[in-house]
Amino acid sequence: MIIASVLFVILTGLAMIAYPGGSLYDRAGVHYNFSENFFSDLGTTVTYSGRPNTASDILFISALGIIGIALIYFSKIWRGVSIDSHEMVIPGIMSKIFLIISGASFIGVAFTPWNLYFDNHVLFVKLAFGSLLGWSIMMIILEARNPKLRNLLVLNIIYVLMLGYYVWLLFYGPKFGTLDGLEFQAIAQKIIVYASVINLAIQAWGILSFLKRTDFRKTGRQNFYV
């Protein structure tokens, strides 16, 4: 998850550099506009300016594909979080389901460019972040039972507040009918996307560090990865 998060940042950064330009309110633009272009613009087949977007699209698909696969793989980590995983099976299994859905949805976002499959693209975006919110809430429940993971718990609570607000924005926030509304949504999206990969990387590092310090034979957690 840590490597996937780093690769996501690098690949999306390169995609922004490769983006040939154009946004809803500046179709003649010649570069990626951080305040007017969405992440999803990186994955279009053709930009607002009418230019082909092949290089940026490939990088975007690669970034979301990597993070999606990593999320699905990382979903099994829940058994290593709670002191007694047997008592926390329900939130644990729910966390796994949420993260699998989120990971699959991010892959769906990658392969449904909004300029070709707008409705499907929007659905996958809402599923990806909504499920990620569900996973984070389940992780808060699990981490609250383990005093050695309190730092991760605090970070997850802060992140859930941020993500919860963003999910609300997805459904009820300002629309794109004005430049101000578009800029607000575009900037908010970038903040939550990078906050998400940073939090996931920190959570993965913290949980794995905790597991390395734990005697699996005594705790019965040698099968945490199942």
Protein backbone atom coordinates (compact mmCIF):
# COMPACT_ATOMS: atom_id res chain seq x y z
CA MET A 1 0.00 0.00 0.00
CA ILE A 2 2.88 2.34 0.78
CA ILE A 3 4.57 1.74 -2.56
CA ALA A 4 1.23 2.03 -4.37
CA SER A 5 0.56 5.39 -2.70
CA VAL A 6 3.97 6.73 -3.74
CA LEU A 7 3.47 5.48 -7.30
CA PHE A 8 0.03 7.10 -7.41
CA VAL A 9 1.47 10.50 -6.51
CA ILE A 10 4.27 10.14 -9.06
CA LEU A 11 2.06 8.88 -11.89
CA THR A 12 -0.67 11.48 -11.39
CA GLY A 13 1.99 14.19 -11.24
CA LEU A 14 3.43 12.97 -14.55
CA ALA A 15 -0.09 12.80 -15.99
CA MET A 16 -0.64 16.44 -15.09
CA ILE A 17 2.59 17.35 -16.86
CA ALA A 18 1.59 15.32 -19.93
CA TYR A 19 -1.94 16.76 -20.08
CA PRO A 20 -2.11 18.91 -23.24
CA GLY A 21 -4.44 21.51 -21.76
CA GLY A 22 -8.01 22.70 -21.76
CA SER A 23 -10.73 23.04 -19.13
CA LEU A 24 -14.42 23.81 -19.05
CA TYR A 25 -13.82 27.57 -18.70
CA ASP A 26 -10.50 27.74 -20.56
CA ARG A 27 -10.72 25.50 -23.61
CA ALA A 28 -7.64 27.11 -25.15
CA GLY A 29 -5.44 26.24 -22.17
CA VAL A 30 -2.12 24.57 -22.95
CA HIS A 31 -1.44 22.85 -19.62
CA TYR A 32 -3.18 21.22 -16.68
CA ASN A 33 -4.90 23.85 -14.52
CA PHE A 34 -4.77 22.75 -10.87
CA SER A 35 -7.79 24.84 -9.88
CA GLU A 36 -9.98 24.15 -12.94
CA ASN A 37 -9.15 20.60 -14.05
CA PHE A 38 -10.32 17.53 -12.17
CA PHE A 39 -8.33 14.34 -11.76
CA SER A 40 -10.81 12.75 -14.14
CA ASP A 41 -9.74 15.14 -16.89
CA LEU A 42 -6.42 13.28 -16.91
CA GLY A 43 -8.24 10.15 -18.03
CA THR A 44 -10.23 11.56 -20.93
CA THR A 45 -9.49 10.38 -24.44
CA VAL A 46 -9.73 13.94 -25.77
CA THR A 47 -9.32 17.18 -23.81
CA TYR A 48 -11.62 20.20 -23.76
CA SER A 49 -9.28 21.79 -26.30
CA GLY A 50 -9.86 18.90 -28.71
CA ARG A 51 -6.34 17.52 -28.38
CA PRO A 52 -5.74 13.76 -27.98
CA ASN A 53 -4.84 12.85 -24.42
CA THR A 54 -3.13 9.49 -24.83
CA ALA A 55 -0.07 9.90 -22.59
CA SER A 56 -1.97 11.42 -19.67
CA ASP A 57 -4.74 8.84 -20.05
CA ILE A 58 -2.29 5.92 -19.83
CA LEU A 59 -0.63 7.39 -16.74
CA PHE A 60 -4.04 8.02 -15.14
CA ILE A 61 -5.19 4.45 -15.80
CA SER A 62 -1.92 3.12 -14.40
CA ALA A 63 -2.18 5.24 -11.24
CA LEU A 64 -5.77 4.28 -10.47
CA GLY A 65 -5.21 0.67 -11.47
CA ILE A 66 -2.28 0.35 -9.06
CA ILE A 67 -4.09 2.01 -6.18
CA GLY A 68 -7.25 -0.03 -6.86
CA ILE A 69 -5.38 -3.36 -6.81
CA ALA A 70 -3.48 -2.27 -3.68
CA LEU A 71 -6.73 -1.42 -1.88
CA ILE A 72 -8.21 -4.82 -2.71
CA TYR A 73 -5.06 -6.55 -1.45
CA PHE A 74 -4.84 -4.33 1.65
CA SER A 75 -8.45 -5.18 2.61
CA LYS A 76 -7.24 -8.29 4.46
CA ILE A 77 -5.20 -6.31 6.98
CA TRP A 78 -8.13 -5.89 9.38
CA ARG A 79 -7.25 -9.03 11.37
CA GLY A 80 -4.00 -7.43 12.43
CA VAL A 81 -5.64 -4.30 13.88
CA SER A 82 -7.90 -5.46 16.69
CA ILE A 83 -6.54 -7.01 19.88
CA ASP A 84 -9.11 -9.80 19.59
CA SER A 85 -10.14 -10.20 15.97
CA HIS A 86 -12.70 -12.86 16.91
CA GLU A 87 -14.76 -10.28 18.81
CA MET A 88 -14.59 -7.81 15.91
CA VAL A 89 -15.49 -10.07 13.01
CA ILE A 90 -18.47 -8.01 11.82
CA PRO A 91 -16.72 -4.62 11.50
CA GLY A 92 -13.65 -6.47 10.23
CA ILE A 93 -15.49 -8.23 7.42
CA MET A 94 -17.37 -5.02 6.63
CA SER A 95 -14.08 -3.13 6.39
CA LYS A 96 -12.82 -5.76 3.95
CA ILE A 97 -15.93 -5.53 1.79
CA PHE A 98 -15.84 -1.72 1.77
CA LEU A 99 -12.19 -1.63 0.69
CA ILE A 100 -12.69 -4.23 -2.04
CA ILE A 101 -15.61 -2.20 -3.42
CA SER A 102 -13.56 0.98 -3.21
CA GLY A 103 -10.58 -0.58 -4.96
CA ALA A 104 -12.74 -2.07 -7.72
CA SER A 105 -14.50 1.28 -8.14
CA PHE A 106 -11.23 3.18 -8.55
CA ILE A 107 -10.32 0.71 -11.30
CA GLY A 108 -13.76 1.37 -12.78
CA VAL A 109 -13.05 5.12 -12.71
CA ALA A 110 -9.83 4.50 -14.65
CA PHE A 111 -11.54 2.61 -17.45
CA THR A 112 -14.64 4.80 -17.85
CA PRO A 113 -13.40 8.18 -19.11
CA TRP A 114 -16.04 10.76 -18.35
CA ASN A 115 -16.10 12.09 -21.91
CA LEU A 116 -17.29 8.67 -23.11
CA TYR A 117 -19.08 7.10 -20.14
CA PHE A 118 -20.09 10.01 -17.94
CA ASP A 119 -22.84 8.33 -15.87
CA ASN A 120 -20.76 5.23 -15.20
CA HIS A 121 -17.73 7.35 -14.34
CA VAL A 122 -19.67 9.42 -11.80
CA LEU A 123 -21.18 6.28 -10.27
CA PHE A 124 -17.74 4.71 -9.81
CA VAL A 125 -16.39 7.92 -8.24
CA LYS A 126 -19.22 8.01 -5.70
CA LEU A 127 -18.83 4.29 -4.94
CA ALA A 128 -15.06 4.63 -4.56
CA PHE A 129 -15.14 7.46 -2.04
CA GLY A 130 -18.33 6.33 -0.30
CA SER A 131 -16.88 2.86 0.28
CA LEU A 132 -13.56 4.35 1.39
CA LEU A 133 -15.51 6.34 3.98
CA GLY A 134 -17.19 3.12 5.15
CA TRP A 135 -13.81 1.39 5.46
CA SER A 136 -12.35 4.27 7.47
CA ILE A 137 -15.27 4.19 9.91
CA MET A 138 -14.86 0.44 10.39
CA MET A 139 -11.13 0.94 10.98
CA ILE A 140 -11.89 3.53 13.65
CA ILE A 141 -14.01 0.92 15.45
CA LEU A 142 -11.22 -1.65 15.18
CA GLU A 143 -8.40 0.71 16.15
CA ALA A 144 -10.35 2.03 19.14
CA ARG A 145 -9.96 -1.43 20.74
CA ASN A 146 -6.17 -1.32 20.47
CA PRO A 147 -4.39 1.27 22.66
CA LYS A 148 -1.17 0.75 20.68
CA LEU A 149 -2.82 2.16 17.57
CA ARG A 150 -4.20 5.36 19.10
CA ASN A 151 -2.09 7.57 16.81
CA LEU A 152 -3.58 5.86 13.77
CA LEU A 153 -7.02 6.19 15.32
CA VAL A 154 -6.67 9.96 15.67
CA LEU A 155 -5.47 10.30 12.08
CA ASN A 156 -8.36 8.17 10.85
CA ILE A 157 -10.90 10.30 12.74
CA ILE A 158 -9.49 13.48 11.18
CA TYR A 159 -9.52 11.82 7.78
CA VAL A 160 -13.11 10.59 8.18
CA LEU A 161 -14.25 14.13 8.95
CA MET A 162 -12.52 15.36 5.79
CA LEU A 163 -13.79 12.51 3.63
CA GLY A 164 -17.30 12.74 5.05
CA TYR A 165 -17.42 16.40 4.06
CA TYR A 166 -16.14 15.58 0.58
CA VAL A 167 -18.71 12.80 0.09
CA TRP A 168 -21.36 15.33 1.07
CA LEU A 169 -19.91 17.70 -1.55
CA LEU A 170 -20.18 14.99 -4.20
CA PHE A 171 -23.92 14.79 -3.66
CA TYR A 172 -24.90 18.28 -2.47
CA GLY A 173 -21.93 20.59 -3.02
CA PRO A 174 -21.63 23.52 -5.44
CA LYS A 175 -22.13 22.56 -9.09
CA PHE A 176 -19.98 23.37 -12.08
CA GLY A 177 -22.31 26.02 -13.48
CA THR A 178 -20.02 28.78 -12.23
CA LEU A 179 -16.25 29.12 -12.26
CA ASP A 180 -16.20 29.50 -8.47
CA GLY A 181 -18.18 26.28 -8.03
CA LEU A 182 -15.91 24.39 -10.40
CA GLU A 183 -12.73 25.63 -8.73
CA PHE A 184 -14.07 24.75 -5.28
CA GLN A 185 -14.91 21.20 -6.35
CA ALA A 186 -11.65 20.71 -8.28
CA ILE A 187 -9.43 21.86 -5.41
CA ALA A 188 -11.46 19.93 -2.82
CA GLN A 189 -11.09 16.79 -4.91
CA LYS A 190 -7.32 17.08 -5.06
CA ILE A 191 -7.06 17.69 -1.32
CA ILE A 192 -9.12 14.61 -0.47
CA VAL A 193 -7.45 12.38 -3.09
CA TYR A 194 -3.95 13.09 -1.83
CA ALA A 195 -5.13 13.04 1.79
CA SER A 196 -6.57 9.59 1.06
CA VAL A 197 -3.36 8.11 -0.33
CA ILE A 198 -1.31 9.69 2.47
CA ASN A 199 -3.65 8.34 5.15
CA LEU A 200 -3.68 4.89 3.55
CA ALA A 201 0.12 4.85 3.43
CA ILE A 202 0.37 5.93 7.08
CA GLN A 203 -2.26 3.38 8.15
CA ALA A 204 -0.42 0.61 6.30
CA TRP A 205 2.95 1.59 7.74
CA GLY A 206 1.52 1.90 11.27
CA ILE A 207 -0.32 -1.41 11.20
CA LEU A 208 2.60 -3.32 9.69
CA SER A 209 4.99 -1.76 12.21
CA PHE A 210 2.66 -2.84 15.03
CA LEU A 211 2.50 -6.37 13.64
CA LYS A 212 6.28 -6.61 13.43
CA ARG A 213 6.47 -5.79 17.13
CA THR A 214 3.84 -8.39 17.98
CA ASP A 215 4.54 -12.00 18.89
CA PHE A 216 2.10 -13.72 16.54
CA ARG A 217 2.49 -17.09 18.24
CA LYS A 218 1.23 -15.72 21.54
CA THR A 219 -1.52 -13.54 20.11
CA GLY A 220 -2.77 -16.06 17.58
CA ARG A 221 -2.51 -13.51 14.81
CA GLN A 222 -0.29 -15.36 12.44
CA ASN A 223 -3.27 -15.63 10.06
CA PHE A 224 -4.14 -11.94 10.13
CA TYR A 225 -3.66 -11.74 6.37
CA VAL A 226 -6.42 -14.25 5.55
